[in-house]
Amino acid sequence: KREGVVVEAIPGDEISIDKTERRIAIT
């Protein structure tokens, strides 16, 4: 269920996930 959930794709030197109720940031 991703209604209202923003996915951010962030190029970087590592692999990490930062997840909140409304945002998934993936480095």
PDB file of all heavy atoms in Angstrom:
ATOM      1  N   LYS A   1       0.870  -1.167   0.000  1.00  0.00           N
ATOM      2  CA  LYS A   1       0.000   0.000   0.000  1.00  0.00           C
ATOM      3  C   LYS A   1       0.908   1.219   0.000  1.00  0.00           C
ATOM      4  O   LYS A   1       1.452   1.586   1.030  1.00  0.00           O
ATOM      5  CB  LYS A   1      -0.895  -0.012   1.229  1.00  0.00           C
ATOM      6  CG  LYS A   1      -1.702  -1.281   1.371  1.00  0.00           C
ATOM      7  CD  LYS A   1      -3.131  -0.951   1.643  1.00  0.00           C
ATOM      8  CE  LYS A   1      -3.965  -2.181   1.874  1.00  0.00           C
ATOM      9  NZ  LYS A   1      -4.334  -2.917   0.750  1.00  0.00           N
ATOM     10  N   ARG A   2       1.078   1.814  -1.166  1.00  0.00           N
ATOM     11  CA  ARG A   2       2.007   2.931  -1.216  1.00  0.00           C
ATOM     12  C   ARG A   2       1.323   4.265  -1.459  1.00  0.00           C
ATOM     13  O   ARG A   2       1.987   5.238  -1.783  1.00  0.00           O
ATOM     14  CB  ARG A   2       3.124   2.669  -2.207  1.00  0.00           C
ATOM     15  CG  ARG A   2       2.836   2.918  -3.642  1.00  0.00           C
ATOM     16  CD  ARG A   2       4.128   2.821  -4.410  1.00  0.00           C
ATOM     17  NE  ARG A   2       3.902   3.262  -5.768  1.00  0.00           N
ATOM     18  CZ  ARG A   2       4.826   3.674  -6.576  1.00  0.00           C
ATOM     19  NH1 ARG A   2       6.063   3.677  -6.203  1.00  0.00           N
ATOM     20  NH2 ARG A   2       4.525   4.058  -7.790  1.00  0.00           N
ATOM     21  N   GLU A   3       0.009   4.294  -1.309  1.00  0.00           N
ATOM     22  CA  GLU A   3      -0.690   5.572  -1.449  1.00  0.00           C
ATOM     23  C   GLU A   3      -0.101   6.570  -0.472  1.00  0.00           C
ATOM     24  O   GLU A   3      -0.072   6.340   0.733  1.00  0.00           O
ATOM     25  CB  GLU A   3      -2.185   5.392  -1.193  1.00  0.00           C
ATOM     26  CG  GLU A   3      -2.875   4.593  -2.274  1.00  0.00           C
ATOM     27  CD  GLU A   3      -4.351   4.399  -1.974  1.00  0.00           C
ATOM     28  OE1 GLU A   3      -4.914   5.150  -1.163  1.00  0.00           O
ATOM     29  OE2 GLU A   3      -4.920   3.472  -2.553  1.00  0.00           O
ATOM     30  N   GLY A   4       0.398   7.666  -1.004  1.00  0.00           N
ATOM     31  CA  GLY A   4       0.980   8.697  -0.172  1.00  0.00           C
ATOM     32  C   GLY A   4       2.399   8.413   0.279  1.00  0.00           C
ATOM     33  O   GLY A   4       2.994   9.212   0.983  1.00  0.00           O
ATOM     34  N   VAL A   5       2.960   7.264  -0.084  1.00  0.00           N
ATOM     35  CA  VAL A   5       4.330   6.921   0.294  1.00  0.00           C
ATOM     36  C   VAL A   5       5.263   7.323  -0.853  1.00  0.00           C
ATOM     37  O   VAL A   5       5.071   6.928  -1.992  1.00  0.00           O
ATOM     38  CB  VAL A   5       4.494   5.408   0.586  1.00  0.00           C
ATOM     39  CG1 VAL A   5       5.942   5.069   0.880  1.00  0.00           C
ATOM     40  CG2 VAL A   5       3.585   4.993   1.730  1.00  0.00           C
ATOM     41  N   VAL A   6       6.259   8.108  -0.527  1.00  0.00           N
ATOM     42  CA  VAL A   6       7.238   8.569  -1.509  1.00  0.00           C
ATOM     43  C   VAL A   6       8.458   7.661  -1.431  1.00  0.00           C
ATOM     44  O   VAL A   6       8.955   7.362  -0.341  1.00  0.00           O
ATOM     45  CB  VAL A   6       7.662  10.032  -1.221  1.00  0.00           C
ATOM     46  CG1 VAL A   6       8.764  10.475  -2.154  1.00  0.00           C
ATOM     47  CG2 VAL A   6       6.457  10.952  -1.323  1.00  0.00           C
ATOM     48  N   VAL A   7       8.928   7.202  -2.595  1.00  0.00           N
ATOM     49  CA  VAL A   7      10.147   6.404  -2.659  1.00  0.00           C
ATOM     50  C   VAL A   7      11.246   7.285  -3.230  1.00  0.00           C
ATOM     51  O   VAL A   7      11.094   7.865  -4.303  1.00  0.00           O
ATOM     52  CB  VAL A   7       9.959   5.147  -3.545  1.00  0.00           C
ATOM     53  CG1 VAL A   7      11.274   4.378  -3.660  1.00  0.00           C
ATOM     54  CG2 VAL A   7       8.862   4.258  -2.991  1.00  0.00           C
ATOM     55  N   GLU A   8      12.340   7.378  -2.495  1.00  0.00           N
ATOM     56  CA  GLU A   8      13.496   8.141  -2.957  1.00  0.00           C
ATOM     57  C   GLU A   8      14.632   7.177  -3.258  1.00  0.00           C
ATOM     58  O   GLU A   8      14.965   6.328  -2.430  1.00  0.00           O
ATOM     59  CB  GLU A   8      13.958   9.125  -1.887  1.00  0.00           C
ATOM     60  CG  GLU A   8      13.020  10.277  -1.645  1.00  0.00           C
ATOM     61  CD  GLU A   8      13.588  11.234  -0.605  1.00  0.00           C
ATOM     62  OE1 GLU A   8      14.776  11.610  -0.717  1.00  0.00           O
ATOM     63  OE2 GLU A   8      12.830  11.576   0.312  1.00  0.00           O
ATOM     64  N   ALA A   9      15.235   7.326  -4.437  1.00  0.00           N
ATOM     65  CA  ALA A   9      16.392   6.537  -4.835  1.00  0.00           C
ATOM     66  C   ALA A   9      17.601   7.455  -4.795  1.00  0.00           C
ATOM     67  O   ALA A   9      17.693   8.407  -5.563  1.00  0.00           O
ATOM     68  CB  ALA A   9      16.182   5.972  -6.236  1.00  0.00           C
ATOM     69  N   ILE A  10      18.540   7.169  -3.893  1.00  0.00           N
ATOM     70  CA  ILE A  10      19.692   8.043  -3.670  1.00  0.00           C
ATOM     71  C   ILE A  10      20.973   7.292  -4.002  1.00  0.00           C
ATOM     72  O   ILE A  10      21.373   6.377  -3.262  1.00  0.00           O
ATOM     73  CB  ILE A  10      19.733   8.512  -2.191  1.00  0.00           C
ATOM     74  CG1 ILE A  10      18.386   9.138  -1.786  1.00  0.00           C
ATOM     75  CG2 ILE A  10      20.894   9.464  -1.955  1.00  0.00           C
ATOM     76  CD1 ILE A  10      18.165   9.212  -0.297  1.00  0.00           C
ATOM     77  N   PRO A  11      21.631   7.636  -5.114  1.00  0.00           N
ATOM     78  CA  PRO A  11      22.909   6.987  -5.426  1.00  0.00           C
ATOM     79  C   PRO A  11      23.937   7.288  -4.333  1.00  0.00           C
ATOM     80  O   PRO A  11      23.984   8.401  -3.793  1.00  0.00           O
ATOM     81  CB  PRO A  11      23.329   7.628  -6.749  1.00  0.00           C
ATOM     82  CG  PRO A  11      22.098   8.247  -7.307  1.00  0.00           C
ATOM     83  CD  PRO A  11      21.249   8.611  -6.129  1.00  0.00           C
ATOM     84  N   GLY A  12      24.750   6.303  -3.992  1.00  0.00           N
ATOM     85  CA  GLY A  12      25.764   6.489  -2.948  1.00  0.00           C
ATOM     86  C   GLY A  12      26.784   5.381  -2.958  1.00  0.00           C
ATOM     87  O   GLY A  12      26.876   4.599  -3.906  1.00  0.00           O
ATOM     88  N   ASP A  13      27.525   5.278  -1.860  1.00  0.00           N
ATOM     89  CA  ASP A  13      28.581   4.270  -1.731  1.00  0.00           C
ATOM     90  C   ASP A  13      28.174   3.109  -0.840  1.00  0.00           C
ATOM     91  O   ASP A  13      28.975   2.230  -0.566  1.00  0.00           O
ATOM     92  CB  ASP A  13      29.845   4.915  -1.155  1.00  0.00           C
ATOM     93  CG  ASP A  13      30.425   5.952  -2.092  1.00  0.00           C
ATOM     94  OD1 ASP A  13      30.241   5.815  -3.319  1.00  0.00           O
ATOM     95  OD2 ASP A  13      31.069   6.905  -1.597  1.00  0.00           O
ATOM     96  N   GLU A  14      26.945   3.134  -0.354  1.00  0.00           N
ATOM     97  CA  GLU A  14      26.477   2.094   0.558  1.00  0.00           C
ATOM     98  C   GLU A  14      25.058   1.699   0.190  1.00  0.00           C
ATOM     99  O   GLU A  14      24.463   2.249  -0.734  1.00  0.00           O
ATOM    100  CB  GLU A  14      26.503   2.607   1.998  1.00  0.00           C
ATOM    101  CG  GLU A  14      25.528   3.762   2.227  1.00  0.00           C
ATOM    102  CD  GLU A  14      25.486   4.217   3.679  1.00  0.00           C
ATOM    103  OE1 GLU A  14      26.372   3.842   4.467  1.00  0.00           O
ATOM    104  OE2 GLU A  14      24.546   4.933   4.031  1.00  0.00           O
ATOM    105  N   ILE A  15      24.532   0.732   0.932  1.00  0.00           N
ATOM    106  CA  ILE A  15      23.143   0.329   0.752  1.00  0.00           C
ATOM    107  C   ILE A  15      22.455   0.532   2.099  1.00  0.00           C
ATOM    108  O   ILE A  15      22.859  -0.070   3.100  1.00  0.00           O
ATOM    109  CB  ILE A  15      23.028  -1.148   0.332  1.00  0.00           C
ATOM    110  CG1 ILE A  15      23.927  -1.440  -0.856  1.00  0.00           C
ATOM    111  CG2 ILE A  15      21.578  -1.493   0.004  1.00  0.00           C
ATOM    112  CD1 ILE A  15      24.173  -2.916  -1.075  1.00  0.00           C
ATOM    113  N   SER A  16      21.451   1.402   2.105  1.00  0.00           N
ATOM    114  CA  SER A  16      20.731   1.622   3.355  1.00  0.00           C
ATOM    115  C   SER A  16      19.277   1.981   3.060  1.00  0.00           C
ATOM    116  O   SER A  16      18.942   2.451   1.978  1.00  0.00           O
ATOM    117  CB  SER A  16      21.394   2.717   4.191  1.00  0.00           C
ATOM    118  OG  SER A  16      21.352   3.954   3.514  1.00  0.00           O
ATOM    119  N   ILE A  17      18.456   1.729   4.057  1.00  0.00           N
ATOM    120  CA  ILE A  17      17.024   2.010   3.976  1.00  0.00           C
ATOM    121  C   ILE A  17      16.671   2.907   5.158  1.00  0.00           C
ATOM    122  O   ILE A  17      17.066   2.628   6.294  1.00  0.00           O
ATOM    123  CB  ILE A  17      16.195   0.714   4.067  1.00  0.00           C
ATOM    124  CG1 ILE A  17      16.595  -0.268   2.973  1.00  0.00           C
ATOM    125  CG2 ILE A  17      14.704   1.027   4.001  1.00  0.00           C
ATOM    126  CD1 ILE A  17      16.088  -1.686   3.204  1.00  0.00           C
ATOM    127  N   ASP A  18      15.919   3.951   4.886  1.00  0.00           N
ATOM    128  CA  ASP A  18      15.385   4.823   5.931  1.00  0.00           C
ATOM    129  C   ASP A  18      13.883   4.911   5.653  1.00  0.00           C
ATOM    130  O   ASP A  18      13.457   5.575   4.718  1.00  0.00           O
ATOM    131  CB  ASP A  18      16.043   6.198   5.876  1.00  0.00           C
ATOM    132  CG  ASP A  18      15.597   7.111   7.014  1.00  0.00           C
ATOM    133  OD1 ASP A  18      14.739   6.692   7.825  1.00  0.00           O
ATOM    134  OD2 ASP A  18      16.096   8.249   7.079  1.00  0.00           O
ATOM    135  N   LYS A  19      13.096   4.213   6.461  1.00  0.00           N
ATOM    136  CA  LYS A  19      11.660   4.106   6.202  1.00  0.00           C
ATOM    137  C   LYS A  19      10.855   4.772   7.307  1.00  0.00           C
ATOM    138  O   LYS A  19      11.084   4.541   8.496  1.00  0.00           O
ATOM    139  CB  LYS A  19      11.258   2.634   6.092  1.00  0.00           C
ATOM    140  CG  LYS A  19       9.789   2.425   5.785  1.00  0.00           C
ATOM    141  CD  LYS A  19       9.453   0.950   5.629  1.00  0.00           C
ATOM    142  CE  LYS A  19       7.980   0.759   5.331  1.00  0.00           C
ATOM    143  NZ  LYS A  19       7.619  -0.654   5.172  1.00  0.00           N
ATOM    144  N   THR A  20       9.902   5.612   6.870  1.00  0.00           N
ATOM    145  CA  THR A  20       8.913   6.184   7.781  1.00  0.00           C
ATOM    146  C   THR A  20       7.543   5.773   7.248  1.00  0.00           C
ATOM    147  O   THR A  20       7.440   5.038   6.266  1.00  0.00           O
ATOM    148  CB  THR A  20       9.024   7.730   7.833  1.00  0.00           C
ATOM    149  OG1 THR A  20       8.632   8.265   6.562  1.00  0.00           O
ATOM    150  CG2 THR A  20      10.428   8.183   8.198  1.00  0.00           C
ATOM    151  N   GLU A  21       6.486   6.261   7.875  1.00  0.00           N
ATOM    152  CA  GLU A  21       5.134   5.930   7.417  1.00  0.00           C
ATOM    153  C   GLU A  21       4.859   6.467   6.010  1.00  0.00           C
ATOM    154  O   GLU A  21       4.058   5.910   5.274  1.00  0.00           O
ATOM    155  CB  GLU A  21       4.091   6.478   8.397  1.00  0.00           C
ATOM    156  CG  GLU A  21       4.129   5.835   9.762  1.00  0.00           C
ATOM    157  CD  GLU A  21       3.752   4.366   9.741  1.00  0.00           C
ATOM    158  OE1 GLU A  21       2.941   3.950   8.875  1.00  0.00           O
ATOM    159  OE2 GLU A  21       4.274   3.618  10.585  1.00  0.00           O
ATOM    160  N   ARG A  22       5.508   7.563   5.629  1.00  0.00           N
ATOM    161  CA  ARG A  22       5.211   8.224   4.349  1.00  0.00           C
ATOM    162  C   ARG A  22       6.386   8.287   3.384  1.00  0.00           C
ATOM    163  O   ARG A  22       6.266   8.852   2.301  1.00  0.00           O
ATOM    164  CB  ARG A  22       4.731   9.669   4.612  1.00  0.00           C
ATOM    165  CG  ARG A  22       3.434   9.726   5.344  1.00  0.00           C
ATOM    166  CD  ARG A  22       2.321   9.661   4.331  1.00  0.00           C
ATOM    167  NE  ARG A  22       1.033   9.609   4.981  1.00  0.00           N
ATOM    168  CZ  ARG A  22       0.129   8.689   4.696  1.00  0.00           C
ATOM    169  NH1 ARG A  22       0.359   7.775   3.809  1.00  0.00           N
ATOM    170  NH2 ARG A  22      -1.034   8.702   5.295  1.00  0.00           N
ATOM    171  N   ARG A  23       7.534   7.705   3.750  1.00  0.00           N
ATOM    172  CA  ARG A  23       8.711   7.854   2.906  1.00  0.00           C
ATOM    173  C   ARG A  23       9.617   6.635   3.042  1.00  0.00           C
ATOM    174  O   ARG A  23       9.843   6.140   4.140  1.00  0.00           O
ATOM    175  CB  ARG A  23       9.466   9.114   3.332  1.00  0.00           C
ATOM    176  CG  ARG A  23      10.752   9.379   2.617  1.00  0.00           C
ATOM    177  CD  ARG A  23      11.355  10.706   3.142  1.00  0.00           C
ATOM    178  NE  ARG A  23      12.753  10.796   2.829  1.00  0.00           N
ATOM    179  CZ  ARG A  23      13.750  10.427   3.609  1.00  0.00           C
ATOM    180  NH1 ARG A  23      13.520   9.921   4.790  1.00  0.00           N
ATOM    181  NH2 ARG A  23      14.994  10.564   3.219  1.00  0.00           N
ATOM    182  N   ILE A  24      10.134   6.189   1.898  1.00  0.00           N
ATOM    183  CA  ILE A  24      11.167   5.160   1.882  1.00  0.00           C
ATOM    184  C   ILE A  24      12.341   5.755   1.118  1.00  0.00           C
ATOM    185  O   ILE A  24      12.232   6.030  -0.078  1.00  0.00           O
ATOM    186  CB  ILE A  24      10.702   3.858   1.197  1.00  0.00           C
ATOM    187  CG1 ILE A  24       9.533   3.236   1.948  1.00  0.00           C
ATOM    188  CG2 ILE A  24      11.857   2.875   1.077  1.00  0.00           C
ATOM    189  CD1 ILE A  24       8.915   2.030   1.251  1.00  0.00           C
ATOM    190  N   ALA A  25      13.439   5.975   1.810  1.00  0.00           N
ATOM    191  CA  ALA A  25      14.661   6.489   1.174  1.00  0.00           C
ATOM    192  C   ALA A  25      15.658   5.338   1.088  1.00  0.00           C
ATOM    193  O   ALA A  25      16.027   4.750   2.109  1.00  0.00           O
ATOM    194  CB  ALA A  25      15.235   7.644   1.969  1.00  0.00           C
ATOM    195  N   ILE A  26      16.057   5.022  -0.131  1.00  0.00           N
ATOM    196  CA  ILE A  26      17.007   3.934  -0.351  1.00  0.00           C
ATOM    197  C   ILE A  26      18.279   4.517  -0.941  1.00  0.00           C
ATOM    198  O   ILE A  26      18.258   5.122  -2.010  1.00  0.00           O
ATOM    199  CB  ILE A  26      16.426   2.867  -1.298  1.00  0.00           C
ATOM    200  CG1 ILE A  26      15.179   2.229  -0.681  1.00  0.00           C
ATOM    201  CG2 ILE A  26      17.485   1.812  -1.626  1.00  0.00           C
ATOM    202  CD1 ILE A  26      14.435   1.309  -1.608  1.00  0.00           C
ATOM    203  N   THR A  27      19.367   4.350  -0.215  1.00  0.00           N
ATOM    204  CA  THR A  27      20.684   4.704  -0.734  1.00  0.00           C
ATOM    205  C   THR A  27      21.268   3.416  -1.298  1.00  0.00           C
ATOM    206  O   THR A  27      21.208   2.366  -0.654  1.00  0.00           O
ATOM    207  CB  THR A  27      21.588   5.272   0.386  1.00  0.00           C
ATOM    208  OG1 THR A  27      20.931   6.400   0.961  1.00  0.00           O
ATOM    209  CG2 THR A  27      22.936   5.687  -0.166  1.00  0.00           C
TER     210      THR A  27
END
